[in-house]
N, C-alpha and C. Protein backbone atom coordinates (compact mmCIF):
# COMPACT_ATOMS: atom_id res chain seq x y z
N MET A 1 54.14 -16.40 -34.32
CA MET A 1 54.74 -15.66 -33.23
C MET A 1 54.65 -14.16 -33.54
N ALA A 2 54.23 -13.37 -32.56
CA ALA A 2 54.09 -11.93 -32.74
C ALA A 2 55.45 -11.26 -32.70
N THR A 3 55.59 -10.24 -33.50
CA THR A 3 56.84 -9.48 -33.50
C THR A 3 56.61 -8.16 -32.78
N ALA A 4 57.61 -7.71 -32.08
CA ALA A 4 57.52 -6.47 -31.32
C ALA A 4 57.73 -5.27 -32.24
N ASN A 5 56.91 -4.26 -32.04
CA ASN A 5 57.08 -3.00 -32.74
C ASN A 5 57.46 -1.99 -31.68
N TRP A 6 58.74 -1.82 -31.45
CA TRP A 6 59.24 -1.04 -30.32
C TRP A 6 58.80 0.42 -30.36
N GLN A 7 58.67 1.00 -31.52
CA GLN A 7 58.29 2.41 -31.60
C GLN A 7 56.83 2.62 -31.24
N SER A 8 55.93 1.78 -31.73
CA SER A 8 54.50 1.98 -31.44
C SER A 8 54.14 1.52 -30.03
N ASP A 9 54.97 0.69 -29.41
CA ASP A 9 54.69 0.22 -28.05
C ASP A 9 55.14 1.19 -26.97
N GLN A 10 55.86 2.23 -27.33
CA GLN A 10 56.38 3.19 -26.36
C GLN A 10 55.32 4.25 -26.04
N PRO A 11 55.24 4.69 -24.78
CA PRO A 11 54.28 5.75 -24.44
C PRO A 11 54.69 7.07 -25.09
N THR A 12 53.70 7.88 -25.44
CA THR A 12 53.99 9.18 -26.05
C THR A 12 54.03 10.29 -25.01
N ASN A 13 53.40 10.09 -23.86
CA ASN A 13 53.41 11.08 -22.80
C ASN A 13 54.03 10.45 -21.56
N LEU A 14 55.16 10.98 -21.12
CA LEU A 14 55.88 10.41 -19.99
C LEU A 14 55.56 11.11 -18.67
N ASN A 15 54.62 12.07 -18.68
CA ASN A 15 54.24 12.77 -17.45
C ASN A 15 53.30 11.90 -16.62
N TYR A 16 53.44 12.00 -15.31
CA TYR A 16 52.57 11.27 -14.40
C TYR A 16 51.31 12.09 -14.12
N LEU A 17 50.25 11.40 -13.76
CA LEU A 17 48.99 12.05 -13.41
C LEU A 17 49.14 12.74 -12.06
N SER A 18 48.83 14.02 -12.00
CA SER A 18 48.90 14.77 -10.75
C SER A 18 47.53 14.77 -10.09
N PRO A 19 47.43 14.35 -8.83
CA PRO A 19 46.12 14.30 -8.17
C PRO A 19 45.63 15.67 -7.67
N VAL A 20 46.39 16.74 -7.91
CA VAL A 20 45.97 18.06 -7.44
C VAL A 20 45.44 18.94 -8.57
N ASN A 21 45.51 18.48 -9.79
CA ASN A 21 45.08 19.28 -10.95
C ASN A 21 43.72 18.80 -11.43
N PHE A 22 42.66 19.33 -10.83
CA PHE A 22 41.30 18.93 -11.21
C PHE A 22 40.34 20.08 -10.96
N ASP A 23 39.17 19.97 -11.56
CA ASP A 23 38.09 20.91 -11.33
C ASP A 23 36.79 20.13 -11.39
N LEU A 24 35.92 20.34 -10.41
CA LEU A 24 34.64 19.63 -10.35
C LEU A 24 33.51 20.63 -10.50
N VAL A 25 32.63 20.38 -11.45
CA VAL A 25 31.47 21.23 -11.69
C VAL A 25 30.21 20.39 -11.53
N ILE A 26 29.36 20.77 -10.56
CA ILE A 26 28.07 20.12 -10.36
C ILE A 26 27.02 21.19 -10.61
N SER A 27 26.19 20.98 -11.61
CA SER A 27 25.24 22.01 -12.06
C SER A 27 24.41 22.60 -10.93
N LYS A 28 23.86 21.78 -10.05
CA LYS A 28 22.99 22.26 -8.98
C LYS A 28 23.76 22.82 -7.78
N LEU A 29 25.09 22.69 -7.77
CA LEU A 29 25.87 23.12 -6.61
C LEU A 29 26.97 24.10 -7.02
N PRO A 30 26.61 25.27 -7.51
CA PRO A 30 27.63 26.22 -7.97
C PRO A 30 28.52 26.76 -6.84
N LYS A 31 28.01 26.83 -5.62
CA LYS A 31 28.80 27.39 -4.52
C LYS A 31 29.81 26.38 -3.95
N THR A 32 29.65 25.13 -4.30
CA THR A 32 30.56 24.09 -3.81
C THR A 32 31.82 24.01 -4.68
N ARG A 33 31.74 24.40 -5.93
CA ARG A 33 32.85 24.25 -6.87
C ARG A 33 34.14 24.90 -6.38
N TYR A 34 34.08 26.14 -5.96
CA TYR A 34 35.27 26.88 -5.57
C TYR A 34 35.95 26.27 -4.35
N PHE A 35 35.18 25.70 -3.45
CA PHE A 35 35.72 25.20 -2.19
C PHE A 35 36.04 23.70 -2.21
N CYS A 36 35.92 23.06 -3.37
CA CYS A 36 36.18 21.63 -3.48
C CYS A 36 37.67 21.36 -3.28
N THR A 37 37.99 20.48 -2.33
CA THR A 37 39.39 20.14 -2.06
C THR A 37 39.72 18.70 -2.42
N GLY A 38 38.73 17.90 -2.72
CA GLY A 38 39.00 16.52 -3.08
C GLY A 38 37.80 15.85 -3.70
N VAL A 39 38.07 14.92 -4.58
CA VAL A 39 37.03 14.13 -5.23
C VAL A 39 37.68 12.83 -5.67
N ASN A 40 36.90 11.78 -5.73
CA ASN A 40 37.46 10.51 -6.21
C ASN A 40 36.86 10.13 -7.55
N ILE A 41 37.60 9.33 -8.30
CA ILE A 41 37.02 8.68 -9.47
C ILE A 41 36.57 7.33 -8.96
N PRO A 42 35.26 7.11 -8.90
CA PRO A 42 34.74 5.89 -8.27
C PRO A 42 35.14 4.61 -9.00
N SER A 43 35.13 3.54 -8.25
CA SER A 43 35.40 2.22 -8.81
C SER A 43 34.26 1.78 -9.71
N VAL A 44 34.60 0.99 -10.70
CA VAL A 44 33.62 0.36 -11.58
C VAL A 44 33.74 -1.14 -11.34
N ASN A 45 32.61 -1.77 -11.12
CA ASN A 45 32.62 -3.21 -10.84
C ASN A 45 31.80 -3.95 -11.88
N PHE A 46 32.33 -5.05 -12.34
CA PHE A 46 31.64 -5.88 -13.33
C PHE A 46 31.40 -7.25 -12.72
N SER A 47 30.17 -7.71 -12.79
CA SER A 47 29.83 -8.99 -12.17
C SER A 47 30.44 -10.15 -12.96
N GLU A 48 30.49 -11.26 -12.31
CA GLU A 48 30.97 -12.47 -12.97
C GLU A 48 29.98 -13.60 -12.71
N ALA A 49 29.94 -14.51 -13.63
CA ALA A 49 29.10 -15.70 -13.48
C ALA A 49 30.02 -16.89 -13.31
N ILE A 50 29.68 -17.76 -12.41
CA ILE A 50 30.49 -18.95 -12.16
C ILE A 50 29.86 -20.13 -12.91
N MET A 51 30.67 -20.79 -13.71
CA MET A 51 30.21 -21.95 -14.45
C MET A 51 30.81 -23.20 -13.80
N SER A 52 29.94 -24.10 -13.41
CA SER A 52 30.40 -25.35 -12.82
C SER A 52 30.79 -26.32 -13.93
N THR A 53 31.76 -27.14 -13.62
CA THR A 53 32.18 -28.17 -14.57
C THR A 53 32.05 -29.53 -13.88
N LYS A 54 32.27 -30.59 -14.61
CA LYS A 54 32.22 -31.93 -14.03
C LYS A 54 33.41 -32.16 -13.11
N LEU A 55 34.44 -31.36 -13.27
CA LEU A 55 35.62 -31.46 -12.43
C LEU A 55 35.43 -30.61 -11.18
N ALA A 56 36.43 -30.56 -10.36
CA ALA A 56 36.37 -29.76 -9.13
C ALA A 56 36.73 -28.29 -9.39
N ILE A 57 36.84 -27.93 -10.63
CA ILE A 57 37.24 -26.57 -11.01
C ILE A 57 36.01 -25.80 -11.47
N GLU A 58 35.86 -24.59 -10.97
CA GLU A 58 34.81 -23.71 -11.46
C GLU A 58 35.44 -22.66 -12.36
N SER A 59 34.72 -22.26 -13.35
CA SER A 59 35.23 -21.28 -14.30
C SER A 59 34.45 -19.98 -14.15
N ALA A 60 35.16 -18.86 -14.16
CA ALA A 60 34.50 -17.54 -14.08
C ALA A 60 34.31 -17.00 -15.49
N LEU A 61 33.11 -16.51 -15.73
CA LEU A 61 32.76 -15.91 -17.02
C LEU A 61 32.29 -14.48 -16.80
N PRO A 62 32.37 -13.64 -17.83
CA PRO A 62 31.84 -12.28 -17.67
C PRO A 62 30.34 -12.33 -17.34
N GLY A 63 29.94 -11.47 -16.41
CA GLY A 63 28.55 -11.44 -15.96
C GLY A 63 27.71 -10.50 -16.79
N ASP A 64 26.69 -9.92 -16.15
CA ASP A 64 25.77 -9.06 -16.89
C ASP A 64 25.42 -7.77 -16.16
N LYS A 65 26.17 -7.41 -15.13
CA LYS A 65 25.86 -6.20 -14.37
C LYS A 65 27.12 -5.36 -14.18
N ILE A 66 26.97 -4.07 -14.41
CA ILE A 66 28.04 -3.11 -14.13
C ILE A 66 27.52 -2.21 -13.01
N THR A 67 28.30 -2.05 -11.95
CA THR A 67 27.91 -1.16 -10.86
C THR A 67 29.01 -0.14 -10.64
N PHE A 68 28.61 1.05 -10.23
CA PHE A 68 29.52 2.14 -9.97
C PHE A 68 29.47 2.49 -8.49
N ASP A 69 30.62 2.65 -7.86
CA ASP A 69 30.66 3.10 -6.48
C ASP A 69 30.26 4.56 -6.41
N PRO A 70 29.87 5.07 -5.23
CA PRO A 70 29.44 6.46 -5.11
C PRO A 70 30.57 7.46 -5.41
N LEU A 71 30.16 8.63 -5.83
CA LEU A 71 31.07 9.75 -6.02
C LEU A 71 31.21 10.47 -4.69
N THR A 72 32.43 10.62 -4.21
CA THR A 72 32.67 11.27 -2.93
C THR A 72 33.42 12.57 -3.15
N VAL A 73 32.89 13.64 -2.58
CA VAL A 73 33.46 14.98 -2.74
C VAL A 73 33.80 15.52 -1.35
N LYS A 74 34.95 16.15 -1.24
CA LYS A 74 35.36 16.80 0.01
C LYS A 74 35.47 18.29 -0.29
N PHE A 75 34.86 19.12 0.58
CA PHE A 75 34.91 20.56 0.35
C PHE A 75 35.05 21.30 1.68
N VAL A 76 35.65 22.48 1.59
CA VAL A 76 35.76 23.37 2.75
C VAL A 76 34.44 24.14 2.83
N VAL A 77 33.88 24.24 4.01
CA VAL A 77 32.62 24.95 4.20
C VAL A 77 32.92 26.44 4.30
N ASP A 78 32.23 27.23 3.49
CA ASP A 78 32.45 28.68 3.54
C ASP A 78 31.84 29.26 4.82
N GLU A 79 32.29 30.44 5.21
CA GLU A 79 31.90 31.05 6.48
C GLU A 79 30.39 31.24 6.63
N ASP A 80 29.71 31.54 5.53
CA ASP A 80 28.26 31.70 5.57
C ASP A 80 27.52 30.38 5.38
N MET A 81 28.26 29.32 5.20
CA MET A 81 27.73 27.96 5.02
C MET A 81 26.80 27.86 3.81
N LYS A 82 27.03 28.67 2.79
CA LYS A 82 26.18 28.66 1.60
C LYS A 82 26.32 27.35 0.84
N ASN A 83 27.58 26.84 0.71
CA ASN A 83 27.76 25.59 -0.03
C ASN A 83 27.15 24.41 0.74
N TYR A 84 27.26 24.40 2.04
CA TYR A 84 26.64 23.36 2.85
C TYR A 84 25.12 23.41 2.71
N GLN A 85 24.59 24.62 2.75
CA GLN A 85 23.14 24.79 2.71
C GLN A 85 22.54 24.41 1.37
N GLU A 86 23.25 24.67 0.26
CA GLU A 86 22.68 24.30 -1.04
C GLU A 86 22.56 22.78 -1.17
N ILE A 87 23.48 22.02 -0.58
CA ILE A 87 23.39 20.57 -0.58
C ILE A 87 22.27 20.11 0.37
N PHE A 88 22.25 20.69 1.56
CA PHE A 88 21.22 20.37 2.56
C PHE A 88 19.83 20.60 1.99
N ASP A 89 19.62 21.75 1.34
CA ASP A 89 18.31 22.07 0.76
C ASP A 89 17.91 21.07 -0.32
N TRP A 90 18.87 20.65 -1.14
CA TRP A 90 18.59 19.68 -2.21
C TRP A 90 18.13 18.35 -1.58
N ILE A 91 18.83 17.91 -0.56
CA ILE A 91 18.44 16.66 0.12
C ILE A 91 17.05 16.79 0.74
N MET A 92 16.79 17.92 1.40
CA MET A 92 15.49 18.11 2.06
C MET A 92 14.35 18.17 1.04
N ARG A 93 14.61 18.72 -0.13
CA ARG A 93 13.57 18.76 -1.17
C ARG A 93 13.35 17.39 -1.78
N LEU A 94 14.41 16.59 -1.89
CA LEU A 94 14.26 15.25 -2.43
C LEU A 94 13.48 14.35 -1.49
N GLY A 95 13.61 14.59 -0.19
CA GLY A 95 13.07 13.73 0.87
C GLY A 95 11.60 13.43 0.79
N PRO A 96 10.66 14.29 0.83
CA PRO A 96 10.76 15.65 1.34
C PRO A 96 10.96 15.62 2.85
N GLY A 97 11.91 16.43 3.30
CA GLY A 97 12.30 16.40 4.70
C GLY A 97 11.37 17.13 5.64
N ILE A 98 10.88 18.28 5.24
CA ILE A 98 10.08 19.10 6.15
C ILE A 98 8.66 19.26 5.62
N ASP A 99 8.54 19.54 4.34
CA ASP A 99 7.24 19.85 3.75
C ASP A 99 7.08 19.06 2.46
N SER A 100 5.98 18.37 2.30
CA SER A 100 5.77 17.57 1.08
C SER A 100 5.68 18.45 -0.16
N LYS A 101 5.44 19.72 0.03
CA LYS A 101 5.38 20.63 -1.11
C LYS A 101 6.77 20.88 -1.70
N ASP A 102 7.82 20.63 -0.91
CA ASP A 102 9.19 20.81 -1.41
C ASP A 102 9.46 19.92 -2.61
N PHE A 103 9.12 18.64 -2.48
CA PHE A 103 9.35 17.70 -3.57
C PHE A 103 8.47 18.05 -4.76
N ALA A 104 7.22 18.41 -4.48
CA ALA A 104 6.31 18.78 -5.56
C ALA A 104 6.84 19.98 -6.34
N SER A 105 7.41 20.96 -5.64
CA SER A 105 7.95 22.13 -6.35
C SER A 105 9.23 21.76 -7.10
N LEU A 106 9.97 20.78 -6.59
CA LEU A 106 11.19 20.34 -7.27
C LEU A 106 10.89 19.74 -8.63
N VAL A 107 9.82 18.95 -8.71
CA VAL A 107 9.47 18.30 -9.97
C VAL A 107 8.35 19.02 -10.71
N GLY A 108 7.89 20.15 -10.18
CA GLY A 108 6.89 20.96 -10.87
C GLY A 108 5.48 20.42 -10.79
N GLN A 109 5.14 19.76 -9.68
CA GLN A 109 3.78 19.24 -9.54
C GLN A 109 2.84 20.33 -9.01
N VAL A 110 1.64 20.35 -9.58
CA VAL A 110 0.61 21.29 -9.13
C VAL A 110 -0.63 20.47 -8.79
N LYS A 111 -1.20 20.72 -7.59
CA LYS A 111 -2.39 19.98 -7.16
C LYS A 111 -3.58 20.93 -7.20
N THR A 112 -4.59 20.54 -7.97
CA THR A 112 -5.86 21.27 -8.01
C THR A 112 -6.96 20.27 -7.67
N GLY A 113 -7.54 20.48 -6.50
CA GLY A 113 -8.55 19.52 -6.02
C GLY A 113 -7.87 18.19 -5.73
N ASN A 114 -8.35 17.12 -6.37
CA ASN A 114 -7.77 15.79 -6.20
C ASN A 114 -6.85 15.42 -7.36
N THR A 115 -6.62 16.35 -8.26
CA THR A 115 -5.81 16.07 -9.44
C THR A 115 -4.40 16.64 -9.27
N VAL A 116 -3.40 15.80 -9.53
CA VAL A 116 -2.00 16.24 -9.48
C VAL A 116 -1.47 16.27 -10.90
N THR A 117 -0.98 17.41 -11.32
CA THR A 117 -0.42 17.59 -12.65
C THR A 117 1.06 17.92 -12.51
N THR A 118 1.88 17.24 -13.30
CA THR A 118 3.31 17.53 -13.29
C THR A 118 3.63 18.44 -14.47
N LEU A 119 4.00 19.67 -14.15
CA LEU A 119 4.34 20.64 -15.18
C LEU A 119 5.83 20.62 -15.48
N GLY A 120 6.60 20.20 -14.50
CA GLY A 120 8.05 20.22 -14.64
C GLY A 120 8.58 18.91 -15.18
N ASP A 121 9.78 18.59 -14.76
CA ASP A 121 10.46 17.42 -15.26
C ASP A 121 11.06 16.68 -14.07
N ASP A 122 10.87 15.39 -14.01
CA ASP A 122 11.48 14.60 -12.93
C ASP A 122 13.00 14.72 -12.94
N LEU A 123 13.55 15.11 -14.06
CA LEU A 123 15.00 15.24 -14.15
C LEU A 123 15.53 16.38 -13.29
N ASP A 124 14.64 17.27 -12.79
CA ASP A 124 15.08 18.34 -11.91
C ASP A 124 15.57 17.80 -10.56
N MET A 125 15.28 16.54 -10.28
CA MET A 125 15.78 15.93 -9.04
C MET A 125 17.28 15.66 -9.14
N TYR A 126 17.77 15.57 -10.36
CA TYR A 126 19.15 15.17 -10.60
C TYR A 126 19.99 16.34 -11.11
N SER A 127 21.27 16.12 -11.11
CA SER A 127 22.19 17.10 -11.68
C SER A 127 23.38 16.35 -12.25
N ASP A 128 23.81 16.73 -13.42
CA ASP A 128 25.02 16.15 -13.96
C ASP A 128 26.24 16.80 -13.31
N ALA A 129 27.33 16.08 -13.28
CA ALA A 129 28.57 16.59 -12.71
C ALA A 129 29.71 16.26 -13.67
N THR A 130 30.67 17.15 -13.75
CA THR A 130 31.83 16.93 -14.60
C THR A 130 33.10 17.13 -13.79
N LEU A 131 33.93 16.11 -13.80
CA LEU A 131 35.25 16.18 -13.18
C LEU A 131 36.26 16.35 -14.31
N MET A 132 36.94 17.50 -14.33
CA MET A 132 37.97 17.74 -15.33
C MET A 132 39.33 17.47 -14.71
N VAL A 133 40.04 16.53 -15.29
CA VAL A 133 41.39 16.22 -14.85
C VAL A 133 42.34 16.96 -15.78
N ASN A 134 43.22 17.73 -15.19
CA ASN A 134 44.12 18.58 -15.96
C ASN A 134 45.49 17.94 -16.14
N THR A 135 46.21 18.45 -17.12
CA THR A 135 47.58 18.00 -17.36
C THR A 135 48.51 18.61 -16.32
N SER A 136 49.78 18.25 -16.39
CA SER A 136 50.76 18.82 -15.47
C SER A 136 50.93 20.32 -15.72
N SER A 137 50.51 20.80 -16.89
CA SER A 137 50.54 22.24 -17.21
C SER A 137 49.23 22.91 -16.83
N ASN A 138 48.35 22.19 -16.16
CA ASN A 138 47.05 22.66 -15.70
C ASN A 138 46.08 23.02 -16.83
N ASN A 139 46.19 22.28 -17.93
CA ASN A 139 45.25 22.40 -19.04
C ASN A 139 44.26 21.24 -18.97
N ALA A 140 43.01 21.49 -19.34
CA ALA A 140 41.99 20.42 -19.33
C ALA A 140 42.45 19.28 -20.21
N ASN A 141 42.34 18.07 -19.69
CA ASN A 141 42.85 16.90 -20.41
C ASN A 141 41.77 15.84 -20.60
N ILE A 142 41.16 15.40 -19.51
CA ILE A 142 40.17 14.33 -19.56
C ILE A 142 38.94 14.74 -18.74
N GLU A 143 37.77 14.46 -19.27
CA GLU A 143 36.51 14.77 -18.58
C GLU A 143 35.81 13.48 -18.17
N PHE A 144 35.40 13.45 -16.91
CA PHE A 144 34.55 12.39 -16.40
C PHE A 144 33.17 13.01 -16.21
N ASN A 145 32.19 12.55 -16.96
CA ASN A 145 30.83 13.10 -16.88
C ASN A 145 29.94 12.12 -16.13
N PHE A 146 29.45 12.55 -14.96
CA PHE A 146 28.59 11.74 -14.11
C PHE A 146 27.14 12.12 -14.43
N ILE A 147 26.36 11.13 -14.82
CA ILE A 147 25.00 11.37 -15.31
C ILE A 147 23.99 11.11 -14.20
N ASP A 148 23.05 12.06 -14.05
CA ASP A 148 21.93 11.96 -13.10
C ASP A 148 22.39 11.76 -11.65
N CYS A 149 23.19 12.69 -11.17
CA CYS A 149 23.67 12.64 -9.77
C CYS A 149 22.59 13.14 -8.82
N PHE A 150 22.63 12.62 -7.60
CA PHE A 150 21.82 13.14 -6.51
C PHE A 150 22.55 12.84 -5.20
N PRO A 151 22.42 13.72 -4.21
CA PRO A 151 23.15 13.52 -2.95
C PRO A 151 22.51 12.43 -2.10
N THR A 152 23.36 11.63 -1.48
CA THR A 152 22.86 10.60 -0.55
C THR A 152 23.38 10.83 0.86
N SER A 153 24.42 11.63 1.00
CA SER A 153 24.97 11.86 2.33
C SER A 153 25.72 13.20 2.35
N LEU A 154 25.45 13.96 3.39
CA LEU A 154 26.17 15.21 3.66
C LEU A 154 26.82 15.03 5.01
N GLY A 155 28.14 15.08 5.04
CA GLY A 155 28.90 14.76 6.25
C GLY A 155 28.71 15.76 7.38
N ALA A 156 29.22 15.36 8.53
CA ALA A 156 29.14 16.18 9.73
C ALA A 156 30.18 17.29 9.71
N ILE A 157 29.90 18.36 10.44
CA ILE A 157 30.85 19.44 10.66
C ILE A 157 31.15 19.47 12.14
N ASP A 158 32.43 19.40 12.49
CA ASP A 158 32.84 19.39 13.89
C ASP A 158 33.23 20.80 14.33
N PHE A 159 32.69 21.24 15.45
CA PHE A 159 33.09 22.48 16.09
C PHE A 159 33.78 22.13 17.40
N THR A 160 34.88 22.81 17.71
CA THR A 160 35.60 22.54 18.94
C THR A 160 36.30 23.80 19.43
N THR A 161 36.37 23.98 20.72
CA THR A 161 37.04 25.16 21.28
C THR A 161 38.42 24.84 21.82
N ASP A 162 38.81 23.59 21.82
CA ASP A 162 40.10 23.22 22.40
C ASP A 162 41.21 23.03 21.37
N ALA A 163 41.03 23.51 20.16
CA ALA A 163 42.06 23.39 19.13
C ALA A 163 43.15 24.43 19.35
N SER A 164 44.39 24.05 19.08
CA SER A 164 45.52 24.98 19.28
C SER A 164 45.71 25.90 18.08
N ASP A 165 45.25 25.50 16.90
CA ASP A 165 45.30 26.36 15.72
C ASP A 165 43.99 26.21 14.95
N VAL A 166 43.75 27.13 14.05
CA VAL A 166 42.49 27.12 13.29
C VAL A 166 42.58 26.08 12.18
N SER A 167 41.68 25.14 12.23
CA SER A 167 41.55 24.12 11.21
C SER A 167 40.15 24.33 10.62
N TYR A 168 40.07 24.75 9.37
CA TYR A 168 38.78 25.12 8.79
C TYR A 168 37.89 23.90 8.58
N ALA A 169 36.60 24.12 8.66
CA ALA A 169 35.62 23.04 8.57
C ALA A 169 35.62 22.44 7.17
N VAL A 170 35.76 21.13 7.15
CA VAL A 170 35.72 20.36 5.91
C VAL A 170 34.56 19.38 6.01
N CYS A 171 33.87 19.18 4.90
CA CYS A 171 32.69 18.33 4.90
C CYS A 171 32.76 17.36 3.72
N ASP A 172 32.14 16.21 3.88
CA ASP A 172 32.07 15.21 2.81
C ASP A 172 30.67 15.18 2.22
N LEU A 173 30.62 14.98 0.92
CA LEU A 173 29.37 14.82 0.19
C LEU A 173 29.47 13.52 -0.58
N THR A 174 28.46 12.69 -0.44
CA THR A 174 28.40 11.44 -1.20
C THR A 174 27.23 11.53 -2.16
N MET A 175 27.50 11.18 -3.41
CA MET A 175 26.46 11.26 -4.44
C MET A 175 26.36 9.94 -5.18
N ARG A 176 25.16 9.61 -5.57
CA ARG A 176 24.91 8.47 -6.45
C ARG A 176 24.60 9.03 -7.83
N TYR A 177 24.75 8.20 -8.83
CA TYR A 177 24.54 8.59 -10.22
C TYR A 177 24.23 7.33 -11.00
N THR A 178 23.80 7.50 -12.24
CA THR A 178 23.46 6.33 -13.06
C THR A 178 24.72 5.68 -13.61
N TYR A 179 25.57 6.47 -14.24
CA TYR A 179 26.83 5.98 -14.80
C TYR A 179 27.72 7.17 -15.09
N TYR A 180 28.97 6.90 -15.48
CA TYR A 180 29.80 8.00 -15.93
C TYR A 180 30.50 7.63 -17.22
N THR A 181 30.85 8.67 -17.98
CA THR A 181 31.57 8.50 -19.23
C THR A 181 32.92 9.20 -19.13
N ILE A 182 33.84 8.81 -19.98
CA ILE A 182 35.17 9.41 -20.01
C ILE A 182 35.45 9.85 -21.42
N LYS A 183 35.94 11.08 -21.57
CA LYS A 183 36.33 11.55 -22.91
C LYS A 183 37.49 12.54 -22.77
N ALA A 184 38.25 12.64 -23.83
CA ALA A 184 39.36 13.60 -23.86
C ALA A 184 38.79 15.00 -24.02
N SER A 185 39.37 15.97 -23.34
CA SER A 185 38.88 17.35 -23.39
C SER A 185 39.28 18.08 -24.66
N SER A 186 40.39 17.69 -25.23
CA SER A 186 40.89 18.46 -26.39
C SER A 186 40.22 18.11 -27.67
């Protein structure tokens, strides 16, 4: 029979996590950082395998796949729309949306005759992101590092003339990434 160790079982920090103390840094999106008003820590999902038995009971076992939900960011659009445009441009270059040379310049491809040479790095398509969660004293506490992010959706901006007060434009950004890690900042 296990014995309780009351002192070691007690929490050492009794403060609650505040959802307003955070900072998000995305390397390729420096203009979005200041205007970020919300971000989520995505869900992590682990698959399961079902094992059949001779009885009518099935047993669940740990599977072999880990999946991460998308990273969702909410930001206020600045008056010159610089933060919106830096995301839009990244998506259009990944596409390529308008000109096939956009993607080639993103990864550093050079075409001479029929030969295509890649001088750059395919990693230029991606950007790492760091979500810093702060303590109640607003000191960096925990870092979530999202590896190889890229945008998959840039939300709509609504304009309207029938509003009774000014409500500033807010936009959503959805990003995919390979995985994320968690570490203490201190």
